[in-house]
Structures are given as C-alpha cells and as structure tokens.
Amino acid sequence: MSETRAVLRGVRLSADKGRLVADLIRGKKVDQALDILTITQKKAAGIVKKVLESAIANAEHNDGADIDELKVKTIYVEQGTTLKRFTARAKGRGNRISKPTCHIFVAVGN
C-alpha cells in the first residue's frame, strides 16, 4: 500500500517549535506516536496529534488500511506566512512583532 497524507496549513506556531515535536515521532508506529504526543507538554504536540489522527482516519476510510500496521512514514513542518504586527514604543516609535505560521505535512503507510 502507498502512503496516505494529511496536511494542516497556516498553524499559529513557529516552524522550529513544530519540528522539535515532529522529530519525536518520525518513523514510529502510529499507536506509539500517539502515546508520545499525548504525554509531550508542548503546544505543537496537540496540533501534530490532530494532524496524525486525521492521516490515520484518511488511511482507514479512503484506503481501507489496517491501523495496527501503520507507521509515520514522513512528517515535516514548513514555514508559512508571517503575520506582521506593530506595537507602541517610547518617543512615538513602533516595533515590529512577527507572528510566524507553519504548515504541517504527515504521511502514514506500511
């Protein structure tokens, strides 16, 4: 069987923080990966878990895959657009605040 994908775009999370969590589960069996994400105390863990669950559901529903044999084949986090905001500073100046976003790609397969 080939791989089944799930994509989440425009997450309000920096790509570096997302990659830290993605590296934890790359290549693992899906049940083991879900356990790791459940106990990981990072904002990105909850987001990546939802995408992984979506990929598992896609594999089961669309491709008729057996969940017990699925592994996380590929997972990567790319940088998305950055929201640029300004905040007031002293003497009438302003400072830029960057609010990064990212895209999360997960593929599961045998």
C-alpha atoms as a PDB file:
ATOM      1  CA  MET A   1       0.000   0.000   0.000  1.00  0.00           C
ATOM      2  CA  SER A   2       1.151   3.522  -0.663  1.00  0.00           C
ATOM      3  CA  GLU A   3       1.047   6.314   1.851  1.00  0.00           C
ATOM      4  CA  THR A   4      -1.908   8.394   2.980  1.00  0.00           C
ATOM      5  CA  ARG A   5      -1.470  12.075   3.761  1.00  0.00           C
ATOM      6  CA  ALA A   6      -2.940  14.801   5.913  1.00  0.00           C
ATOM      7  CA  VAL A   7      -1.984  18.481   5.731  1.00  0.00           C
ATOM      8  CA  LEU A   8      -2.620  21.390   8.082  1.00  0.00           C
ATOM      9  CA  ARG A   9      -1.771  24.840   6.775  1.00  0.00           C
ATOM     10  CA  GLY A  10      -1.386  28.187   8.497  1.00  0.00           C
ATOM     11  CA  VAL A  11      -0.951  26.986  12.083  1.00  0.00           C
ATOM     12  CA  ARG A  12      -0.078  29.783  14.551  1.00  0.00           C
ATOM     13  CA  LEU A  13       3.156  28.116  15.586  1.00  0.00           C
ATOM     14  CA  SER A  14       6.761  28.650  14.565  1.00  0.00           C
ATOM     15  CA  ALA A  15       8.233  26.011  12.265  1.00  0.00           C
ATOM     16  CA  ASP A  16      11.190  25.387  14.619  1.00  0.00           C
ATOM     17  CA  LYS A  17       8.889  24.549  17.533  1.00  0.00           C
ATOM     18  CA  GLY A  18       6.841  22.269  15.301  1.00  0.00           C
ATOM     19  CA  ARG A  19       9.947  20.449  14.049  1.00  0.00           C
ATOM     20  CA  LEU A  20      11.020  19.627  17.619  1.00  0.00           C
ATOM     21  CA  VAL A  21       7.814  17.617  18.072  1.00  0.00           C
ATOM     22  CA  ALA A  22       7.848  16.147  14.547  1.00  0.00           C
ATOM     23  CA  ASP A  23      11.320  14.700  15.155  1.00  0.00           C
ATOM     24  CA  LEU A  24       9.995  12.763  18.182  1.00  0.00           C
ATOM     25  CA  ILE A  25       7.576  10.619  16.144  1.00  0.00           C
ATOM     26  CA  ARG A  26       9.209  10.276  12.721  1.00  0.00           C
ATOM     27  CA  GLY A  27       9.358   6.593  11.692  1.00  0.00           C
ATOM     28  CA  LYS A  28       7.413   5.281  14.709  1.00  0.00           C
ATOM     29  CA  LYS A  29       4.272   3.110  14.681  1.00  0.00           C
ATOM     30  CA  VAL A  30       1.134   5.267  14.881  1.00  0.00           C
ATOM     31  CA  ASP A  31      -0.051   3.964  18.261  1.00  0.00           C
ATOM     32  CA  GLN A  32       3.379   4.617  19.755  1.00  0.00           C
ATOM     33  CA  ALA A  33       3.475   8.070  18.122  1.00  0.00           C
ATOM     34  CA  LEU A  34       0.054   8.980  19.570  1.00  0.00           C
ATOM     35  CA  ASP A  35       1.241   7.936  23.050  1.00  0.00           C
ATOM     36  CA  ILE A  36       4.345  10.126  22.723  1.00  0.00           C
ATOM     37  CA  LEU A  37       2.286  13.116  21.577  1.00  0.00           C
ATOM     38  CA  THR A  38      -0.217  12.647  24.414  1.00  0.00           C
ATOM     39  CA  ILE A  39       2.435  12.959  27.125  1.00  0.00           C
ATOM     40  CA  THR A  40       4.542  15.649  25.421  1.00  0.00           C
ATOM     41  CA  GLN A  41       3.914  19.008  27.081  1.00  0.00           C
ATOM     42  CA  LYS A  42       4.272  21.332  24.117  1.00  0.00           C
ATOM     43  CA  LYS A  43       1.715  23.364  22.196  1.00  0.00           C
ATOM     44  CA  ALA A  44       2.878  21.727  18.978  1.00  0.00           C
ATOM     45  CA  ALA A  45       2.200  18.216  20.327  1.00  0.00           C
ATOM     46  CA  GLY A  46      -1.566  18.725  20.416  1.00  0.00           C
ATOM     47  CA  ILE A  47      -1.600  20.206  16.932  1.00  0.00           C
ATOM     48  CA  VAL A  48       0.587  17.472  15.404  1.00  0.00           C
ATOM     49  CA  LYS A  49      -1.545  14.828  17.157  1.00  0.00           C
ATOM     50  CA  LYS A  50      -4.681  16.129  15.430  1.00  0.00           C
ATOM     51  CA  VAL A  51      -2.988  16.011  12.014  1.00  0.00           C
ATOM     52  CA  LEU A  52      -1.706  12.475  12.690  1.00  0.00           C
ATOM     53  CA  GLU A  53      -5.195  11.341  13.738  1.00  0.00           C
ATOM     54  CA  SER A  54      -6.554  12.837  10.526  1.00  0.00           C
ATOM     55  CA  ALA A  55      -3.970  10.943   8.449  1.00  0.00           C
ATOM     56  CA  ILE A  56      -4.888   7.703  10.254  1.00  0.00           C
ATOM     57  CA  ALA A  57      -8.604   8.307   9.622  1.00  0.00           C
ATOM     58  CA  ASN A  58      -7.883   9.054   5.948  1.00  0.00           C
ATOM     59  CA  ALA A  59      -5.927   5.803   5.620  1.00  0.00           C
ATOM     60  CA  GLU A  60      -8.695   3.775   7.232  1.00  0.00           C
ATOM     61  CA  HIS A  61     -11.622   5.384   5.419  1.00  0.00           C
ATOM     62  CA  ASN A  62     -10.190   6.145   1.966  1.00  0.00           C
ATOM     63  CA  ASP A  63      -7.648   3.342   1.527  1.00  0.00           C
ATOM     64  CA  GLY A  64      -9.059   0.643   3.837  1.00  0.00           C
ATOM     65  CA  ALA A  65      -5.740   0.348   5.681  1.00  0.00           C
ATOM     66  CA  ASP A  66      -5.194  -1.737   8.818  1.00  0.00           C
ATOM     67  CA  ILE A  67      -4.444   0.754  11.616  1.00  0.00           C
ATOM     68  CA  ASP A  68      -2.242  -1.691  13.555  1.00  0.00           C
ATOM     69  CA  GLU A  69       0.302  -1.849  10.726  1.00  0.00           C
ATOM     70  CA  LEU A  70       0.563   1.887  10.008  1.00  0.00           C
ATOM     71  CA  LYS A  71       3.762   3.841  10.646  1.00  0.00           C
ATOM     72  CA  VAL A  72       4.584   7.544  10.365  1.00  0.00           C
ATOM     73  CA  LYS A  73       6.379   7.444   7.015  1.00  0.00           C
ATOM     74  CA  THR A  74       7.095  11.146   6.604  1.00  0.00           C
ATOM     75  CA  ILE A  75       6.378  14.165   8.738  1.00  0.00           C
ATOM     76  CA  TYR A  76       7.712  17.619   8.092  1.00  0.00           C
ATOM     77  CA  VAL A  77       6.964  21.174   9.129  1.00  0.00           C
ATOM     78  CA  GLU A  78       7.487  24.074   6.726  1.00  0.00           C
ATOM     79  CA  GLN A  79       7.438  27.774   7.385  1.00  0.00           C
ATOM     80  CA  GLY A  80       4.231  29.577   6.432  1.00  0.00           C
ATOM     81  CA  THR A  81       3.482  33.256   6.056  1.00  0.00           C
ATOM     82  CA  THR A  82       4.462  35.540   8.924  1.00  0.00           C
ATOM     83  CA  LEU A  83       1.862  37.900  10.366  1.00  0.00           C
ATOM     84  CA  LYS A  84       3.492  41.287  10.875  1.00  0.00           C
ATOM     85  CA  ARG A  85       2.196  43.428  13.718  1.00  0.00           C
ATOM     86  CA  PHE A  86       3.362  46.647  15.361  1.00  0.00           C
ATOM     87  CA  THR A  87       3.427  47.700  18.991  1.00  0.00           C
ATOM     88  CA  ALA A  88       3.965  51.139  20.510  1.00  0.00           C
ATOM     89  CA  ARG A  89       7.360  52.079  21.981  1.00  0.00           C
ATOM     90  CA  ALA A  90       8.757  55.146  23.692  1.00  0.00           C
ATOM     91  CA  LYS A  91       9.103  58.545  21.948  1.00  0.00           C
ATOM     92  CA  GLY A  92       6.488  57.804  19.286  1.00  0.00           C
ATOM     93  CA  ARG A  93       8.310  54.877  17.795  1.00  0.00           C
ATOM     94  CA  GLY A  94       6.983  51.443  16.921  1.00  0.00           C
ATOM     95  CA  ASN A  95       8.454  47.942  16.980  1.00  0.00           C
ATOM     96  CA  ARG A  96       7.554  45.115  14.646  1.00  0.00           C
ATOM     97  CA  ILE A  97       6.214  41.885  16.145  1.00  0.00           C
ATOM     98  CA  SER A  98       6.471  38.785  13.934  1.00  0.00           C
ATOM     99  CA  LYS A  99       3.853  36.099  14.441  1.00  0.00           C
ATOM    100  CA  PRO A 100       5.054  33.092  12.445  1.00  0.00           C
ATOM    101  CA  THR A 101       2.834  30.373  11.000  1.00  0.00           C
ATOM    102  CA  CYS A 102       3.703  26.936   9.636  1.00  0.00           C
ATOM    103  CA  HIS A 103       2.360  24.096   7.520  1.00  0.00           C
ATOM    104  CA  ILE A 104       2.389  20.518   8.863  1.00  0.00           C
ATOM    105  CA  PHE A 105       2.530  17.529   6.475  1.00  0.00           C
ATOM    106  CA  VAL A 106       2.055  13.948   7.741  1.00  0.00           C
ATOM    107  CA  ALA A 107       2.093  10.739   5.688  1.00  0.00           C
ATOM    108  CA  VAL A 108       1.322   7.307   7.133  1.00  0.00           C
ATOM    109  CA  GLY A 109       1.798   3.926   5.496  1.00  0.00           C
ATOM    110  CA  ASN A 110       3.122   0.390   5.990  1.00  0.00           C
END
